[in-house]
Amino acid sequence: MRGNTKTVEKLKASILEGIKKIKGNDIRIIDLNTIHHTECGYFIICHGNSTTQVSSIAQSVEKTVKEETGENAWHTEGYQNSIWVLLDFGEIVVHVFQESSRAYYNLEGLWADAKITNIDSEN
């Protein structure tokens, strides 16, 4: 079941704000809503330059989402090594990578059929 548009947009804005606070790089939103049989509506992807930054970005996203929407991540993975941290908010799944891991897993390439939006992280 997909969430209502207003709630999803607020969640998306909170996630982006959390990423930008810690200067996440190359932020992209992959809209999966037109792809059949997906578990969520969106992926939000970014990367950091170190394990410390990856972990800090993910923590910032969790904190910002909680403060602005009252929501917690349903599931998290990857904090142990902070090479790829996944935050599952239901309708939106956030992927915070180290740059080399992001290139290796190439989620943007795997989901190339979906609409991909680049976000200017300077704003």
C-alpha atoms as a PDB file:
ATOM      1  CA  MET A   1       0.000   0.000   0.000  1.00  0.00           C
ATOM      2  CA  ARG A   2       1.348   3.388  -0.968  1.00  0.00           C
ATOM      3  CA  GLY A   3       1.247   6.278   1.510  1.00  0.00           C
ATOM      4  CA  ASN A   4      -0.660   9.484   0.869  1.00  0.00           C
ATOM      5  CA  THR A   5       1.152  12.052  -1.248  1.00  0.00           C
ATOM      6  CA  LYS A   6       1.364  14.785   1.402  1.00  0.00           C
ATOM      7  CA  THR A   7       2.848  12.424   4.000  1.00  0.00           C
ATOM      8  CA  VAL A   8       5.343  10.985   1.506  1.00  0.00           C
ATOM      9  CA  GLU A   9       6.439  14.460   0.371  1.00  0.00           C
ATOM     10  CA  LYS A  10       7.011  15.551   3.985  1.00  0.00           C
ATOM     11  CA  LEU A  11       9.015  12.388   4.657  1.00  0.00           C
ATOM     12  CA  LYS A  12      11.043  12.936   1.480  1.00  0.00           C
ATOM     13  CA  ALA A  13      11.792  16.559   2.452  1.00  0.00           C
ATOM     14  CA  SER A  14      12.883  15.501   5.952  1.00  0.00           C
ATOM     15  CA  ILE A  15      15.193  12.815   4.557  1.00  0.00           C
ATOM     16  CA  LEU A  16      16.778  15.272   2.131  1.00  0.00           C
ATOM     17  CA  GLU A  17      17.273  17.815   4.905  1.00  0.00           C
ATOM     18  CA  GLY A  18      18.968  15.189   7.078  1.00  0.00           C
ATOM     19  CA  ILE A  19      21.328  14.259   4.239  1.00  0.00           C
ATOM     20  CA  LYS A  20      22.165  17.881   3.436  1.00  0.00           C
ATOM     21  CA  LYS A  21      22.963  18.714   7.094  1.00  0.00           C
ATOM     22  CA  ILE A  22      25.944  16.366   6.911  1.00  0.00           C
ATOM     23  CA  LYS A  23      26.794  17.261   3.311  1.00  0.00           C
ATOM     24  CA  GLY A  24      25.860  13.994   1.624  1.00  0.00           C
ATOM     25  CA  ASN A  25      27.177  13.837  -1.945  1.00  0.00           C
ATOM     26  CA  ASP A  26      25.391  13.274  -5.267  1.00  0.00           C
ATOM     27  CA  ILE A  27      21.865  12.935  -3.878  1.00  0.00           C
ATOM     28  CA  ARG A  28      19.411  11.179  -6.167  1.00  0.00           C
ATOM     29  CA  ILE A  29      15.772  10.209  -5.864  1.00  0.00           C
ATOM     30  CA  ILE A  30      14.679   7.133  -7.784  1.00  0.00           C
ATOM     31  CA  ASP A  31      10.901   7.130  -8.304  1.00  0.00           C
ATOM     32  CA  LEU A  32       9.806   3.488  -8.361  1.00  0.00           C
ATOM     33  CA  ASN A  33       6.077   4.206  -8.529  1.00  0.00           C
ATOM     34  CA  THR A  34       5.860   3.375 -12.232  1.00  0.00           C
ATOM     35  CA  ILE A  35       7.782   0.099 -11.837  1.00  0.00           C
ATOM     36  CA  HIS A  36       5.607  -2.932 -11.067  1.00  0.00           C
ATOM     37  CA  HIS A  37       6.199  -5.168  -8.050  1.00  0.00           C
ATOM     38  CA  THR A  38       8.396  -2.870  -5.999  1.00  0.00           C
ATOM     39  CA  GLU A  39       8.364  -2.848  -2.217  1.00  0.00           C
ATOM     40  CA  CYS A  40       8.511   0.926  -1.899  1.00  0.00           C
ATOM     41  CA  GLY A  41       7.801   4.069  -3.886  1.00  0.00           C
ATOM     42  CA  TYR A  42      11.205   5.741  -3.742  1.00  0.00           C
ATOM     43  CA  PHE A  43      14.885   5.175  -3.150  1.00  0.00           C
ATOM     44  CA  ILE A  44      16.940   8.141  -1.987  1.00  0.00           C
ATOM     45  CA  ILE A  45      20.652   7.582  -2.559  1.00  0.00           C
ATOM     46  CA  CYS A  46      23.744   9.549  -1.565  1.00  0.00           C
ATOM     47  CA  HIS A  47      27.303   8.897  -0.496  1.00  0.00           C
ATOM     48  CA  GLY A  48      29.810  10.080   2.059  1.00  0.00           C
ATOM     49  CA  ASN A  49      33.598  10.225   1.944  1.00  0.00           C
ATOM     50  CA  SER A  50      34.322   8.057   5.001  1.00  0.00           C
ATOM     51  CA  THR A  51      32.683   5.549   7.311  1.00  0.00           C
ATOM     52  CA  THR A  52      32.261   8.339   9.849  1.00  0.00           C
ATOM     53  CA  GLN A  53      30.429  10.561   7.355  1.00  0.00           C
ATOM     54  CA  VAL A  54      28.232   7.683   6.107  1.00  0.00           C
ATOM     55  CA  SER A  55      27.192   6.860   9.667  1.00  0.00           C
ATOM     56  CA  SER A  56      26.667  10.548  10.502  1.00  0.00           C
ATOM     57  CA  ILE A  57      24.474  11.096   7.423  1.00  0.00           C
ATOM     58  CA  ALA A  58      22.308   8.102   8.307  1.00  0.00           C
ATOM     59  CA  GLN A  59      21.985   9.225  11.943  1.00  0.00           C
ATOM     60  CA  SER A  60      21.105  12.745  10.788  1.00  0.00           C
ATOM     61  CA  VAL A  61      18.371  11.369   8.526  1.00  0.00           C
ATOM     62  CA  GLU A  62      16.894   9.298  11.356  1.00  0.00           C
ATOM     63  CA  LYS A  63      17.009  12.238  13.788  1.00  0.00           C
ATOM     64  CA  THR A  64      15.584  14.775  11.309  1.00  0.00           C
ATOM     65  CA  VAL A  65      12.752  12.466  10.220  1.00  0.00           C
ATOM     66  CA  LYS A  66      11.854  11.760  13.866  1.00  0.00           C
ATOM     67  CA  GLU A  67      11.865  15.479  14.755  1.00  0.00           C
ATOM     68  CA  GLU A  68       9.870  16.596  11.699  1.00  0.00           C
ATOM     69  CA  THR A  69       7.430  13.718  11.160  1.00  0.00           C
ATOM     70  CA  GLY A  70       7.474  11.679  14.358  1.00  0.00           C
ATOM     71  CA  GLU A  71       8.385   8.591  12.303  1.00  0.00           C
ATOM     72  CA  ASN A  72      11.126   6.091  13.029  1.00  0.00           C
ATOM     73  CA  ALA A  73      12.826   3.915  10.444  1.00  0.00           C
ATOM     74  CA  TRP A  74      11.099   0.547  10.219  1.00  0.00           C
ATOM     75  CA  HIS A  75      14.435  -1.173   9.727  1.00  0.00           C
ATOM     76  CA  THR A  76      18.105  -0.193   9.514  1.00  0.00           C
ATOM     77  CA  GLU A  77      21.159  -2.093   8.287  1.00  0.00           C
ATOM     78  CA  GLY A  78      24.841  -1.420   7.826  1.00  0.00           C
ATOM     79  CA  TYR A  79      25.819   0.756  10.775  1.00  0.00           C
ATOM     80  CA  GLN A  80      28.344  -1.917  11.843  1.00  0.00           C
ATOM     81  CA  ASN A  81      30.747  -1.121   8.993  1.00  0.00           C
ATOM     82  CA  SER A  82      29.125   2.002   7.470  1.00  0.00           C
ATOM     83  CA  ILE A  83      30.050   1.063   3.910  1.00  0.00           C
ATOM     84  CA  TRP A  84      26.344   0.995   2.947  1.00  0.00           C
ATOM     85  CA  VAL A  85      23.701   2.034   5.471  1.00  0.00           C
ATOM     86  CA  LEU A  86      20.086   1.304   4.565  1.00  0.00           C
ATOM     87  CA  LEU A  87      17.190   3.084   6.289  1.00  0.00           C
ATOM     88  CA  ASP A  88      13.719   1.695   5.545  1.00  0.00           C
ATOM     89  CA  PHE A  89      10.919   4.194   6.130  1.00  0.00           C
ATOM     90  CA  GLY A  90       8.322   2.055   4.350  1.00  0.00           C
ATOM     91  CA  GLU A  91       7.429   4.153   1.342  1.00  0.00           C
ATOM     92  CA  ILE A  92      10.995   5.476   1.050  1.00  0.00           C
ATOM     93  CA  VAL A  93      14.218   3.498   1.444  1.00  0.00           C
ATOM     94  CA  VAL A  94      17.389   5.541   1.976  1.00  0.00           C
ATOM     95  CA  HIS A  95      20.770   4.209   0.850  1.00  0.00           C
ATOM     96  CA  VAL A  96      23.869   5.962   2.221  1.00  0.00           C
ATOM     97  CA  PHE A  97      27.044   4.602   0.649  1.00  0.00           C
ATOM     98  CA  GLN A  98      30.750   5.161   0.635  1.00  0.00           C
ATOM     99  CA  GLU A  99      31.546   6.321  -2.899  1.00  0.00           C
ATOM    100  CA  SER A 100      33.353   3.139  -4.011  1.00  0.00           C
ATOM    101  CA  SER A 101      30.517   0.910  -2.771  1.00  0.00           C
ATOM    102  CA  ARG A 102      27.965   3.079  -4.495  1.00  0.00           C
ATOM    103  CA  ALA A 103      29.810   2.693  -7.790  1.00  0.00           C
ATOM    104  CA  TYR A 104      30.134  -1.070  -7.280  1.00  0.00           C
ATOM    105  CA  TYR A 105      26.446  -1.719  -6.489  1.00  0.00           C
ATOM    106  CA  ASN A 106      25.208   0.837  -9.058  1.00  0.00           C
ATOM    107  CA  LEU A 107      21.592   1.081  -7.880  1.00  0.00           C
ATOM    108  CA  GLU A 108      20.954   3.882 -10.355  1.00  0.00           C
ATOM    109  CA  GLY A 109      21.935   1.546 -13.180  1.00  0.00           C
ATOM    110  CA  LEU A 110      19.872  -1.332 -11.818  1.00  0.00           C
ATOM    111  CA  TRP A 111      16.786   0.895 -11.663  1.00  0.00           C
ATOM    112  CA  ALA A 112      17.485   2.828 -14.886  1.00  0.00           C
ATOM    113  CA  ASP A 113      13.856   2.290 -16.018  1.00  0.00           C
ATOM    114  CA  ALA A 114      12.655   4.512 -13.178  1.00  0.00           C
ATOM    115  CA  LYS A 115      12.611   8.320 -13.130  1.00  0.00           C
ATOM    116  CA  ILE A 116      15.813   9.555 -11.475  1.00  0.00           C
ATOM    117  CA  THR A 117      16.018  13.073 -10.071  1.00  0.00           C
ATOM    118  CA  ASN A 118      19.339  14.698  -9.132  1.00  0.00           C
ATOM    119  CA  ILE A 119      19.165  16.916  -6.056  1.00  0.00           C
ATOM    120  CA  ASP A 120      21.464  19.914  -5.703  1.00  0.00           C
ATOM    121  CA  SER A 121      23.049  19.344  -2.303  1.00  0.00           C
ATOM    122  CA  GLU A 122      24.226  22.962  -2.106  1.00  0.00           C
ATOM    123  CA  ASN A 123      20.663  24.174  -1.417  1.00  0.00           C
END
